[in-house]
PDB file of N, CA and C in Angstrom:
ATOM      1  N   MET A   1     122.127 247.203  94.273  1.00  0.00           N
ATOM      2  CA  MET A   1     122.110 245.934  93.594  1.00  0.00           C
ATOM      3  C   MET A   1     120.936 245.089  94.088  1.00  0.00           C
ATOM      4  N   LEU A   2     120.655 245.111  95.366  1.00  0.00           N
ATOM      5  CA  LEU A   2     119.543 244.357  95.930  1.00  0.00           C
ATOM      6  C   LEU A   2     118.219 244.896  95.383  1.00  0.00           C
ATOM      7  N   LYS A   3     118.133 246.220  95.221  1.00  0.00           N
ATOM      8  CA  LYS A   3     116.929 246.847  94.687  1.00  0.00           C
ATOM      9  C   LYS A   3     116.690 246.401  93.241  1.00  0.00           C
ATOM     10  N   GLU A   4     117.757 246.354  92.452  1.00  0.00           N
ATOM     11  CA  GLU A   4     117.649 245.916  91.067  1.00  0.00           C
ATOM     12  C   GLU A   4     117.201 244.454  90.994  1.00  0.00           C
ATOM     13  N   PHE A   5     117.740 243.632  91.891  1.00  0.00           N
ATOM     14  CA  PHE A   5     117.354 242.226  91.931  1.00  0.00           C
ATOM     15  C   PHE A   5     115.876 242.091  92.279  1.00  0.00           C
ATOM     16  N   LYS A   6     115.407 242.883  93.236  1.00  0.00           N
ATOM     17  CA  LYS A   6     114.003 242.854  93.634  1.00  0.00           C
ATOM     18  C   LYS A   6     113.113 243.249  92.452  1.00  0.00           C
ATOM     19  N   GLN A   7     113.502 244.273  91.707  1.00  0.00           N
ATOM     20  CA  GLN A   7     112.730 244.700  90.533  1.00  0.00           C
ATOM     21  C   GLN A   7     112.712 243.595  89.480  1.00  0.00           C
ATOM     22  N   PHE A   8     113.840 242.940  89.315  1.00  0.00           N
ATOM     23  CA  PHE A   8     113.934 241.848  88.339  1.00  0.00           C
ATOM     24  C   PHE A   8     112.991 240.709  88.703  1.00  0.00           C
ATOM     25  N   ILE A   9     112.977 240.324  89.973  1.00  0.00           N
ATOM     26  CA  ILE A   9     112.144 239.219  90.437  1.00  0.00           C
ATOM     27  C   ILE A   9     110.662 239.579  90.365  1.00  0.00           C
ATOM     28  N   GLU A  10     110.340 240.835  90.576  1.00  0.00           N
ATOM     29  CA  GLU A  10     108.937 241.244  90.588  1.00  0.00           C
ATOM     30  C   GLU A  10     108.335 241.343  89.189  1.00  0.00           C
ATOM     31  N   ARG A  11     109.133 241.251  88.172  1.00  0.00           N
ATOM     32  CA  ARG A  11     108.591 241.266  86.813  1.00  0.00           C
ATOM     33  C   ARG A  11     107.743 240.028  86.593  1.00  0.00           C
ATOM     34  N   GLY A  12     106.677 240.198  85.863  1.00  0.00           N
ATOM     35  CA  GLY A  12     105.777 239.084  85.599  1.00  0.00           C
ATOM     36  C   GLY A  12     106.404 237.998  84.761  1.00  0.00           C
ATOM     37  N   ASN A  13     107.259 238.374  83.815  1.00  0.00           N
ATOM     38  CA  ASN A  13     107.804 237.361  82.923  1.00  0.00           C
ATOM     39  C   ASN A  13     108.784 236.434  83.624  1.00  0.00           C
ATOM     40  N   VAL A  14     109.393 236.849  84.715  1.00  0.00           N
ATOM     41  CA  VAL A  14     110.279 235.955  85.465  1.00  0.00           C
ATOM     42  C   VAL A  14     109.456 234.849  86.116  1.00  0.00           C
ATOM     43  N   ILE A  15     108.328 235.212  86.668  1.00  0.00           N
ATOM     44  CA  ILE A  15     107.462 234.217  87.299  1.00  0.00           C
ATOM     45  C   ILE A  15     106.865 233.302  86.226  1.00  0.00           C
ATOM     46  N   ASP A  16     106.484 233.873  85.095  1.00  0.00           N
ATOM     47  CA  ASP A  16     105.975 233.046  83.996  1.00  0.00           C
ATOM     48  C   ASP A  16     107.029 232.038  83.556  1.00  0.00           C
ATOM     49  N   LEU A  17     108.269 232.470  83.477  1.00  0.00           N
ATOM     50  CA  LEU A  17     109.352 231.578  83.088  1.00  0.00           C
ATOM     51  C   LEU A  17     109.512 230.455  84.109  1.00  0.00           C
ATOM     52  N   ALA A  18     109.453 230.784  85.387  1.00  0.00           N
ATOM     53  CA  ALA A  18     109.585 229.763  86.427  1.00  0.00           C
ATOM     54  C   ALA A  18     108.461 228.733  86.324  1.00  0.00           C
ATOM     55  N   VAL A  19     107.245 229.208  86.115  1.00  0.00           N
ATOM     56  CA  VAL A  19     106.114 228.293  85.966  1.00  0.00           C
ATOM     57  C   VAL A  19     106.316 227.415  84.741  1.00  0.00           C
ATOM     58  N   GLY A  20     106.797 228.000  83.642  1.00  0.00           N
ATOM     59  CA  GLY A  20     107.044 227.235  82.429  1.00  0.00           C
ATOM     60  C   GLY A  20     108.081 226.140  82.632  1.00  0.00           C
ATOM     61  N   VAL A  21     109.129 226.456  83.376  1.00  0.00           N
ATOM     62  CA  VAL A  21     110.180 225.465  83.635  1.00  0.00           C
ATOM     63  C   VAL A  21     109.632 224.313  84.474  1.00  0.00           C
ATOM     64  N   ILE A  22     108.840 224.634  85.478  1.00  0.00           N
ATOM     65  CA  ILE A  22     108.268 223.592  86.343  1.00  0.00           C
ATOM     66  C   ILE A  22     107.316 222.707  85.552  1.00  0.00           C
ATOM     67  N   ILE A  23     106.438 223.326  84.770  1.00  0.00           N
ATOM     68  CA  ILE A  23     105.496 222.543  83.970  1.00  0.00           C
ATOM     69  C   ILE A  23     106.252 221.731  82.916  1.00  0.00           C
ATOM     70  N   GLY A  24     107.286 222.321  82.328  1.00  0.00           N
ATOM     71  CA  GLY A  24     108.093 221.596  81.342  1.00  0.00           C
ATOM     72  C   GLY A  24     108.751 220.369  81.936  1.00  0.00           C
ATOM     73  N   GLY A  25     109.242 220.490  83.164  1.00  0.00           N
ATOM     74  CA  GLY A  25     109.842 219.334  83.834  1.00  0.00           C
ATOM     75  C   GLY A  25     108.824 218.225  84.070  1.00  0.00           C
ATOM     76  N   ALA A  26     107.639 218.609  84.501  1.00  0.00           N
ATOM     77  CA  ALA A  26     106.585 217.615  84.719  1.00  0.00           C
ATOM     78  C   ALA A  26     106.159 216.991  83.395  1.00  0.00           C
ATOM     79  N   PHE A  27     106.074 217.806  82.354  1.00  0.00           N
ATOM     80  CA  PHE A  27     105.680 217.295  81.041  1.00  0.00           C
ATOM     81  C   PHE A  27     106.721 216.327  80.503  1.00  0.00           C
ATOM     82  N   THR A  28     107.980 216.605  80.760  1.00  0.00           N
ATOM     83  CA  THR A  28     109.048 215.703  80.327  1.00  0.00           C
ATOM     84  C   THR A  28     108.883 214.331  80.972  1.00  0.00           C
ATOM     85  N   ASN A  29     108.508 214.308  82.238  1.00  0.00           N
ATOM     86  CA  ASN A  29     108.281 213.024  82.910  1.00  0.00           C
ATOM     87  C   ASN A  29     107.136 212.256  82.257  1.00  0.00           C
ATOM     88  N   ILE A  30     106.090 212.977  81.860  1.00  0.00           N
ATOM     89  CA  ILE A  30     104.958 212.329  81.198  1.00  0.00           C
ATOM     90  C   ILE A  30     105.396 211.737  79.862  1.00  0.00           C
ATOM     91  N   VAL A  31     106.163 212.510  79.097  1.00  0.00           N
ATOM     92  CA  VAL A  31     106.625 212.021  77.796  1.00  0.00           C
ATOM     93  C   VAL A  31     107.561 210.828  77.979  1.00  0.00           C
ATOM     94  N   ASN A  32     108.448 210.893  78.958  1.00  0.00           N
ATOM     95  CA  ASN A  32     109.342 209.749  79.216  1.00  0.00           C
ATOM     96  C   ASN A  32     108.539 208.491  79.523  1.00  0.00           C
ATOM     97  N   SER A  33     107.493 208.637  80.328  1.00  0.00           N
ATOM     98  CA  SER A  33     106.649 207.496  80.656  1.00  0.00           C
ATOM     99  C   SER A  33     105.926 206.986  79.414  1.00  0.00           C
ATOM    100  N   LEU A  34     105.441 207.900  78.575  1.00  0.00           N
ATOM    101  CA  LEU A  34     104.769 207.510  77.339  1.00  0.00           C
ATOM    102  C   LEU A  34     105.697 206.694  76.451  1.00  0.00           C
ATOM    103  N   VAL A  35     106.924 207.181  76.289  1.00  0.00           N
ATOM    104  CA  VAL A  35     107.876 206.492  75.425  1.00  0.00           C
ATOM    105  C   VAL A  35     108.265 205.150  76.023  1.00  0.00           C
ATOM    106  N   THR A  36     108.600 205.139  77.306  1.00  0.00           N
ATOM    107  CA  THR A  36     109.074 203.909  77.948  1.00  0.00           C
ATOM    108  C   THR A  36     107.981 202.844  78.042  1.00  0.00           C
ATOM    109  N   ASN A  37     106.771 203.272  78.404  1.00  0.00           N
ATOM    110  CA  ASN A  37     105.726 202.293  78.707  1.00  0.00           C
ATOM    111  C   ASN A  37     104.787 201.979  77.546  1.00  0.00           C
ATOM    112  N   LEU A  38     104.707 202.844  76.551  1.00  0.00           N
ATOM    113  CA  LEU A  38     103.770 202.600  75.452  1.00  0.00           C
ATOM    114  C   LEU A  38     104.451 202.482  74.085  1.00  0.00           C
ATOM    115  N   ILE A  39     105.280 203.437  73.755  1.00  0.00           N
ATOM    116  CA  ILE A  39     105.861 203.461  72.415  1.00  0.00           C
ATOM    117  C   ILE A  39     106.956 202.408  72.253  1.00  0.00           C
ATOM    118  N   ASN A  40     107.861 202.309  73.226  1.00  0.00           N
ATOM    119  CA  ASN A  40     108.938 201.320  73.124  1.00  0.00           C
ATOM    120  C   ASN A  40     108.415 199.890  73.000  1.00  0.00           C
ATOM    121  N   PRO A  41     107.428 199.469  73.790  1.00  0.00           N
ATOM    122  CA  PRO A  41     106.920 198.109  73.594  1.00  0.00           C
ATOM    123  C   PRO A  41     106.305 197.912  72.204  1.00  0.00           C
ATOM    124  N   LEU A  42     105.657 198.965  71.682  1.00  0.00           N
ATOM    125  CA  LEU A  42     105.079 198.859  70.342  1.00  0.00           C
ATOM    126  C   LEU A  42     106.175 198.701  69.289  1.00  0.00           C
ATOM    127  N   ILE A  43     107.228 199.497  69.387  1.00  0.00           N
ATOM    128  CA  ILE A  43     108.363 199.365  68.470  1.00  0.00           C
ATOM    129  C   ILE A  43     109.051 198.024  68.687  1.00  0.00           C
ATOM    130  N   GLY A  44     109.146 197.628  69.947  1.00  0.00           N
ATOM    131  CA  GLY A  44     109.789 196.355  70.272  1.00  0.00           C
ATOM    132  C   GLY A  44     109.087 195.162  69.648  1.00  0.00           C
ATOM    133  N   LEU A  45     107.771 195.257  69.472  1.00  0.00           N
ATOM    134  CA  LEU A  45     107.041 194.175  68.811  1.00  0.00           C
ATOM    135  C   LEU A  45     107.525 193.968  67.385  1.00  0.00           C
ATOM    136  N   PHE A  46     107.880 195.053  66.714  1.00  0.00           N
ATOM    137  CA  PHE A  46     108.299 194.957  65.316  1.00  0.00           C
ATOM    138  C   PHE A  46     109.746 194.518  65.160  1.00  0.00           C
ATOM    139  N   ILE A  47     110.595 194.864  66.129  1.00  0.00           N
ATOM    140  CA  ILE A  47     112.003 194.482  65.987  1.00  0.00           C
ATOM    141  C   ILE A  47     112.359 193.273  66.847  1.00  0.00           C
ATOM    142  N   GLY A  48     111.385 192.769  67.602  1.00  0.00           N
ATOM    143  CA  GLY A  48     111.598 191.546  68.353  1.00  0.00           C
ATOM    144  C   GLY A  48     112.117 191.751  69.769  1.00  0.00           C
ATOM    145  N   LYS A  49     112.332 192.968  70.195  1.00  0.00           N
ATOM    146  CA  LYS A  49     112.778 193.224  71.568  1.00  0.00           C
ATOM    147  C   LYS A  49     111.784 194.175  72.210  1.00  0.00           C
ATOM    148  N   ILE A  50     111.472 193.939  73.447  1.00  0.00           N
ATOM    149  CA  ILE A  50     110.490 194.765  74.139  1.00  0.00           C
ATOM    150  C   ILE A  50     111.127 196.034  74.703  1.00  0.00           C
ATOM    151  N   ASP A  51     112.321 195.944  75.225  1.00  0.00           N
ATOM    152  CA  ASP A  51     112.956 197.100  75.862  1.00  0.00           C
ATOM    153  C   ASP A  51     114.058 197.641  74.960  1.00  0.00           C
ATOM    154  N   LEU A  52     113.823 198.791  74.349  1.00  0.00           N
ATOM    155  CA  LEU A  52     114.821 199.370  73.452  1.00  0.00           C
ATOM    156  C   LEU A  52     116.055 199.857  74.204  1.00  0.00           C
ATOM    157  N   SER A  53     115.898 200.238  75.454  1.00  0.00           N
ATOM    158  CA  SER A  53     117.040 200.783  76.182  1.00  0.00           C
ATOM    159  C   SER A  53     118.131 199.742  76.412  1.00  0.00           C
ATOM    160  N   ASN A  54     117.798 198.476  76.251  1.00  0.00           N
ATOM    161  CA  ASN A  54     118.807 197.418  76.422  1.00  0.00           C
ATOM    162  C   ASN A  54     119.562 197.094  75.138  1.00  0.00           C
ATOM    163  N   LEU A  55     119.223 197.774  74.041  1.00  0.00           N
ATOM    164  CA  LEU A  55     119.933 197.528  72.790  1.00  0.00           C
ATOM    165  C   LEU A  55     121.324 198.147  72.872  1.00  0.00           C
ATOM    166  N   VAL A  56     122.355 197.328  72.737  1.00  0.00           N
ATOM    167  CA  VAL A  56     123.739 197.801  72.841  1.00  0.00           C
ATOM    168  C   VAL A  56     124.589 197.119  71.785  1.00  0.00           C
ATOM    169  N   VAL A  57     125.683 197.774  71.466  1.00  0.00           N
ATOM    170  CA  VAL A  57     126.704 197.196  70.603  1.00  0.00           C
ATOM    171  C   VAL A  57     128.010 197.313  71.360  1.00  0.00           C
ATOM    172  N   LYS A  58     128.715 196.197  71.476  1.00  0.00           N
ATOM    173  CA  LYS A  58     130.002 196.213  72.172  1.00  0.00           C
ATOM    174  C   LYS A  58     131.118 196.084  71.149  1.00  0.00           C
ATOM    175  N   VAL A  59     132.004 197.060  71.198  1.00  0.00           N
ATOM    176  CA  VAL A  59     133.177 197.053  70.314  1.00  0.00           C
ATOM    177  C   VAL A  59     134.393 197.180  71.211  1.00  0.00           C
ATOM    178  N   GLY A  60     135.150 196.117  71.298  1.00  0.00           N
ATOM    179  CA  GLY A  60     136.291 196.119  72.208  1.00  0.00           C
ATOM    180  C   GLY A  60     135.786 196.270  73.632  1.00  0.00           C
ATOM    181  N   GLY A  61     136.287 197.284  74.323  1.00  0.00           N
ATOM    182  CA  GLY A  61     135.860 197.538  75.698  1.00  0.00           C
ATOM    183  C   GLY A  61     134.760 198.579  75.786  1.00  0.00           C
ATOM    184  N   ALA A  62     134.351 199.126  74.647  1.00  0.00           N
ATOM    185  CA  ALA A  62     133.336 200.190  74.649  1.00  0.00           C
ATOM    186  C   ALA A  62     131.947 199.598  74.424  1.00  0.00           C
ATOM    187  N   THR A  63     130.979 200.145  75.132  1.00  0.00           N
ATOM    188  CA  THR A  63     129.584 199.738  74.977  1.00  0.00           C
ATOM    189  C   THR A  63     128.795 200.933  74.454  1.00  0.00           C
ATOM    190  N   PHE A  64     128.158 200.752  73.308  1.00  0.00           N
ATOM    191  CA  PHE A  64     127.346 201.804  72.699  1.00  0.00           C
ATOM    192  C   PHE A  64     125.877 201.467  72.927  1.00  0.00           C
ATOM    193  N   ARG A  65     125.216 202.285  73.711  1.00  0.00           N
ATOM    194  CA  ARG A  65     123.811 202.064  74.059  1.00  0.00           C
ATOM    195  C   ARG A  65     122.917 202.827  73.079  1.00  0.00           C
ATOM    196  N   TYR A  66     122.772 202.277  71.894  1.00  0.00           N
ATOM    197  CA  TYR A  66     121.991 202.982  70.878  1.00  0.00           C
ATOM    198  C   TYR A  66     120.491 202.910  71.165  1.00  0.00           C
ATOM    199  N   GLY A  67     120.055 201.951  71.964  1.00  0.00           N
ATOM    200  CA  GLY A  67     118.643 201.879  72.358  1.00  0.00           C
ATOM    201  C   GLY A  67     118.244 203.066  73.213  1.00  0.00           C
ATOM    202  N   SER A  68     119.106 203.458  74.140  1.00  0.00           N
ATOM    203  CA  SER A  68     118.830 204.638  74.964  1.00  0.00           C
ATOM    204  C   SER A  68     118.796 205.889  74.109  1.00  0.00           C
ATOM    205  N   PHE A  69     119.678 205.930  73.104  1.00  0.00           N
ATOM    206  CA  PHE A  69     119.681 207.069  72.191  1.00  0.00           C
ATOM    207  C   PHE A  69     118.370 207.127  71.410  1.00  0.00           C
ATOM    208  N   ILE A  70     117.863 205.993  70.973  1.00  0.00           N
ATOM    209  CA  ILE A  70     116.580 205.957  70.264  1.00  0.00           C
ATOM    210  C   ILE A  70     115.464 206.475  71.173  1.00  0.00           C
ATOM    211  N   ASN A  71     115.485 206.056  72.455  1.00  0.00           N
ATOM    212  CA  ASN A  71     114.496 206.566  73.415  1.00  0.00           C
ATOM    213  C   ASN A  71     114.553 208.082  73.506  1.00  0.00           C
ATOM    214  N   THR A  72     115.753 208.621  73.592  1.00  0.00           N
ATOM    215  CA  THR A  72     115.920 210.071  73.716  1.00  0.00           C
ATOM    216  C   THR A  72     115.428 210.796  72.472  1.00  0.00           C
ATOM    217  N   VAL A  73     115.692 210.239  71.299  1.00  0.00           N
ATOM    218  CA  VAL A  73     115.219 210.851  70.047  1.00  0.00           C
ATOM    219  C   VAL A  73     113.696 210.830  69.997  1.00  0.00           C
ATOM    220  N   ILE A  74     113.091 209.724  70.391  1.00  0.00           N
ATOM    221  CA  ILE A  74     111.627 209.644  70.406  1.00  0.00           C
ATOM    222  C   ILE A  74     111.062 210.682  71.375  1.00  0.00           C
ATOM    223  N   ASN A  75     111.656 210.792  72.562  1.00  0.00           N
ATOM    224  CA  ASN A  75     111.213 211.805  73.534  1.00  0.00           C
ATOM    225  C   ASN A  75     111.280 213.199  72.927  1.00  0.00           C
ATOM    226  N   PHE A  76     112.399 213.501  72.279  1.00  0.00           N
ATOM    227  CA  PHE A  76     112.569 214.825  71.685  1.00  0.00           C
ATOM    228  C   PHE A  76     111.502 215.092  70.628  1.00  0.00           C
ATOM    229  N   LEU A  77     111.259 214.123  69.763  1.00  0.00           N
ATOM    230  CA  LEU A  77     110.283 214.316  68.699  1.00  0.00           C
ATOM    231  C   LEU A  77     108.881 214.553  69.256  1.00  0.00           C
ATOM    232  N   ILE A  78     108.521 213.822  70.277  1.00  0.00           N
ATOM    233  CA  ILE A  78     107.202 214.006  70.885  1.00  0.00           C
ATOM    234  C   ILE A  78     107.102 215.390  71.517  1.00  0.00           C
ATOM    235  N   ILE A  79     108.113 215.774  72.298  1.00  0.00           N
ATOM    236  CA  ILE A  79     108.091 217.085  72.948  1.00  0.00           C
ATOM    237  C   ILE A  79     108.082 218.203  71.904  1.00  0.00           C
ATOM    238  N   ALA A  80     108.898 218.067  70.862  1.00  0.00           N
ATOM    239  CA  ALA A  80     108.937 219.093  69.815  1.00  0.00           C
ATOM    240  C   ALA A  80     107.587 219.201  69.119  1.00  0.00           C
ATOM    241  N   PHE A  81     106.922 218.072  68.870  1.00  0.00           N
ATOM    242  CA  PHE A  81     105.620 218.104  68.217  1.00  0.00           C
ATOM    243  C   PHE A  81     104.577 218.765  69.107  1.00  0.00           C
ATOM    244  N   ILE A  82     104.587 218.457  70.398  1.00  0.00           N
ATOM    245  CA  ILE A  82     103.635 219.070  71.334  1.00  0.00           C
ATOM    246  C   ILE A  82     103.880 220.577  71.429  1.00  0.00           C
ATOM    247  N   VAL A  83     105.139 220.978  71.509  1.00  0.00           N
ATOM    248  CA  VAL A  83     105.450 222.417  71.559  1.00  0.00           C
ATOM    249  C   VAL A  83     104.989 223.102  70.272  1.00  0.00           C
ATOM    250  N   PHE A  84     105.186 222.439  69.129  1.00  0.00           N
ATOM    251  CA  PHE A  84     104.714 222.977  67.859  1.00  0.00           C
ATOM    252  C   PHE A  84     103.204 223.202  67.900  1.00  0.00           C
ATOM    253  N   LEU A  85     102.461 222.201  68.394  1.00  0.00           N
ATOM    254  CA  LEU A  85     101.008 222.332  68.480  1.00  0.00           C
ATOM    255  C   LEU A  85     100.596 223.452  69.429  1.00  0.00           C
ATOM    256  N   LEU A  86     101.314 223.580  70.561  1.00  0.00           N
ATOM    257  CA  LEU A  86     101.000 224.651  71.506  1.00  0.00           C
ATOM    258  C   LEU A  86     101.257 226.026  70.905  1.00  0.00           C
ATOM    259  N   VAL A  87     102.389 226.194  70.243  1.00  0.00           N
ATOM    260  CA  VAL A  87     102.714 227.483  69.621  1.00  0.00           C
ATOM    261  C   VAL A  87     101.704 227.808  68.528  1.00  0.00           C
ATOM    262  N   LYS A  88     101.330 226.796  67.758  1.00  0.00           N
ATOM    263  CA  LYS A  88     100.344 227.005  66.698  1.00  0.00           C
ATOM    264  C   LYS A  88      99.008 227.445  67.293  1.00  0.00           C
ATOM    265  N   ALA A  89      98.590 226.815  68.391  1.00  0.00           N
ATOM    266  CA  ALA A  89      97.327 227.179  69.044  1.00  0.00           C
ATOM    267  C   ALA A  89      97.391 228.592  69.627  1.00  0.00           C
ATOM    268  N   VAL A  90      98.502 228.917  70.269  1.00  0.00           N
ATOM    269  CA  VAL A  90      98.639 230.255  70.855  1.00  0.00           C
ATOM    270  C   VAL A  90      98.649 231.310  69.759  1.00  0.00           C
ATOM    271  N   ASN A  91      99.332 231.037  68.656  1.00  0.00           N
ATOM    272  CA  ASN A  91      99.350 231.994  67.553  1.00  0.00           C
ATOM    273  C   ASN A  91      97.960 232.186  66.970  1.00  0.00           C
ATOM    274  N   LYS A  92      97.174 231.121  66.924  1.00  0.00           N
ATOM    275  CA  LYS A  92      95.818 231.227  66.397  1.00  0.00           C
ATOM    276  C   LYS A  92      94.942 232.063  67.329  1.00  0.00           C
ATOM    277  N   ILE A  93      95.129 231.874  68.626  1.00  0.00           N
ATOM    278  CA  ILE A  93      94.330 232.605  69.617  1.00  0.00           C
ATOM    279  C   ILE A  93      94.725 234.078  69.662  1.00  0.00           C
ATOM    280  N   THR A  94      96.018 234.337  69.581  1.00  0.00           N
ATOM    281  CA  THR A  94      96.510 235.708  69.760  1.00  0.00           C
ATOM    282  C   THR A  94      96.832 236.390  68.441  1.00  0.00           C
ATOM    283  N   LYS A  95      96.052 236.094  67.402  1.00  0.00           N
ATOM    284  CA  LYS A  95      96.275 236.791  66.136  1.00  0.00           C
ATOM    285  C   LYS A  95      96.103 238.283  66.366  1.00  0.00           C
ATOM    286  N   PRO A  96      97.006 239.075  65.823  1.00  0.00           N
ATOM    287  CA  PRO A  96      96.849 240.516  66.007  1.00  0.00           C
ATOM    288  C   PRO A  96      95.564 241.001  65.330  1.00  0.00           C
ATOM    289  N   GLN A  97      94.792 241.764  66.079  1.00  0.00           N
ATOM    290  CA  GLN A  97      93.556 242.309  65.545  1.00  0.00           C
ATOM    291  C   GLN A  97      93.882 243.486  64.642  1.00  0.00           C
ATOM    292  N   PRO A  98      93.205 243.572  63.507  1.00  0.00           N
ATOM    293  CA  PRO A  98      93.483 244.706  62.632  1.00  0.00           C
ATOM    294  C   PRO A  98      93.101 246.015  63.324  1.00  0.00           C
ATOM    295  N   ALA A  99      93.923 247.002  63.113  1.00  0.00           N
ATOM    296  CA  ALA A  99      93.672 248.310  63.720  1.00  0.00           C
ATOM    297  C   ALA A  99      92.396 248.888  63.128  1.00  0.00           C
ATOM    298  N   PRO A 100      91.599 249.533  63.959  1.00  0.00           N
ATOM    299  CA  PRO A 100      90.380 250.136  63.418  1.00  0.00           C
ATOM    300  C   PRO A 100      90.741 251.196  62.383  1.00  0.00           C
ATOM    301  N   ALA A 101      89.905 251.284  61.378  1.00  0.00           N
ATOM    302  CA  ALA A 101      90.177 252.225  60.287  1.00  0.00           C
ATOM    303  C   ALA A 101      90.143 253.653  60.814  1.00  0.00           C
ATOM    304  N   GLN A 102      91.166 254.403  60.499  1.00  0.00           N
ATOM    305  CA  GLN A 102      91.247 255.804  60.894  1.00  0.00           C
ATOM    306  C   GLN A 102      90.451 256.637  59.892  1.00  0.00           C
ATOM    307  N   PRO A 103      89.802 257.680  60.376  1.00  0.00           N
ATOM    308  CA  PRO A 103      89.060 258.534  59.456  1.00  0.00           C
ATOM    309  C   PRO A 103      90.017 259.182  58.456  1.00  0.00           C
ATOM    310  N   SER A 104      89.563 259.255  57.230  1.00  0.00           N
ATOM    311  CA  SER A 104      90.388 259.861  56.193  1.00  0.00           C
ATOM    312  C   SER A 104      90.158 261.371  56.169  1.00  0.00           C
ATOM    313  N   ALA A 105      90.963 262.046  55.393  1.00  0.00           N
ATOM    314  CA  ALA A 105      90.818 263.507  55.249  1.00  0.00           C
ATOM    315  C   ALA A 105      89.448 263.828  54.674  1.00  0.00           C
ATOM    316  N   GLU A 106      88.951 262.959  53.797  1.00  0.00           N
ATOM    317  CA  GLU A 106      87.631 263.162  53.212  1.00  0.00           C
ATOM    318  C   GLU A 106      86.547 263.148  54.281  1.00  0.00           C
ATOM    319  N   ASP A 107      86.677 262.219  55.245  1.00  0.00           N
ATOM    320  CA  ASP A 107      85.696 262.141  56.332  1.00  0.00           C
ATOM    321  C   ASP A 107      85.706 263.426  57.158  1.00  0.00           C
ATOM    322  N   TYR A 108      86.904 263.932  57.457  1.00  0.00           N
ATOM    323  CA  TYR A 108      87.003 265.185  58.213  1.00  0.00           C
ATOM    324  C   TYR A 108      86.367 266.343  57.437  1.00  0.00           C
ATOM    325  N   LEU A 109      86.611 266.398  56.142  1.00  0.00           N
ATOM    326  CA  LEU A 109      86.039 267.467  55.324  1.00  0.00           C
ATOM    327  C   LEU A 109      84.510 267.377  55.289  1.00  0.00           C
ATOM    328  N   LYS A 110      83.971 266.166  55.228  1.00  0.00           N
ATOM    329  CA  LYS A 110      82.511 266.000  55.254  1.00  0.00           C
ATOM    330  C   LYS A 110      81.944 266.480  56.583  1.00  0.00           C
ATOM    331  N   ASP A 111      82.640 266.150  57.701  1.00  0.00           N
ATOM    332  CA  ASP A 111      82.181 266.605  59.007  1.00  0.00           C
ATOM    333  C   ASP A 111      82.174 268.129  59.080  1.00  0.00           C
ATOM    334  N   ILE A 112      83.234 268.759  58.571  1.00  0.00           N
ATOM    335  CA  ILE A 112      83.316 270.225  58.578  1.00  0.00           C
ATOM    336  C   ILE A 112      82.184 270.812  57.736  1.00  0.00           C
ATOM    337  N   ARG A 113      81.952 270.228  56.561  1.00  0.00           N
ATOM    338  CA  ARG A 113      80.872 270.700  55.694  1.00  0.00           C
ATOM    339  C   ARG A 113      79.533 270.607  56.403  1.00  0.00           C
ATOM    340  N   ASP A 114      79.281 269.472  57.066  1.00  0.00           N
ATOM    341  CA  ASP A 114      78.009 269.277  57.768  1.00  0.00           C
ATOM    342  C   ASP A 114      77.860 270.279  58.898  1.00  0.00           C
ATOM    343  N   LEU A 115      78.931 270.543  59.630  1.00  0.00           N
ATOM    344  CA  LEU A 115      78.870 271.517  60.722  1.00  0.00           C
ATOM    345  C   LEU A 115      78.604 272.922  60.182  1.00  0.00           C
ATOM    346  N   LEU A 116      79.241 273.279  59.077  1.00  0.00           N
ATOM    347  CA  LEU A 116      79.012 274.600  58.487  1.00  0.00           C
ATOM    348  C   LEU A 116      77.594 274.734  57.967  1.00  0.00           C
ATOM    349  N   GLN A 117      77.059 273.682  57.364  1.00  0.00           N
ATOM    350  CA  GLN A 117      75.687 273.711  56.896  1.00  0.00           C
ATOM    351  C   GLN A 117      74.723 273.841  58.049  1.00  0.00           C
ATOM    352  N   ALA A 118      74.996 273.139  59.154  1.00  0.00           N
ATOM    353  CA  ALA A 118      74.110 273.209  60.333  1.00  0.00           C
ATOM    354  C   ALA A 118      74.179 274.608  60.955  1.00  0.00           C
ATOM    355  N   LYS A 119      75.339 275.223  60.904  1.00  0.00           N
ATOM    356  CA  LYS A 119      75.500 276.571  61.481  1.00  0.00           C
ATOM    357  C   LYS A 119      74.772 277.608  60.650  1.00  0.00           C
ATOM    358  N   ASN A 120      74.789 277.468  59.313  1.00  0.00           N
ATOM    359  CA  ASN A 120      74.145 278.423  58.413  1.00  0.00           C
ATOM    360  C   ASN A 120      72.633 278.256  58.387  1.00  0.00           C
ATOM    361  N   ASN A 121      72.108 277.151  58.778  1.00  0.00           N
ATOM    362  CA  ASN A 121      70.647 276.932  58.753  1.00  0.00           C
ATOM    363  C   ASN A 121      70.000 277.382  60.002  1.00  0.00           C
TER     364      ASN A 121
END
């Protein structure tokens, strides 16, 4: 079992996944800062409040923090758009190259003919 675990860890894609998770976590912090410090104040100018996370509705004893939900939706949309752009760029870079044309039977027959002609001359 330990040997299998070692083989699993030594695979390249496990390390790639770990790097992706770490970079994704750091990227999430950047997006959160973008939304909190730049986008929310811009939206707040239009609705009259600067901090969207403080938008709440109280019904009875329950408090619904719909401003925080709006922040989370904005974060998701930004991250989804960036991931879309990254996938699109990677797909453009890694387009499968067309396979080189294989010689046809006609090409082989021409080669045989040429070899026979060269042998007879």
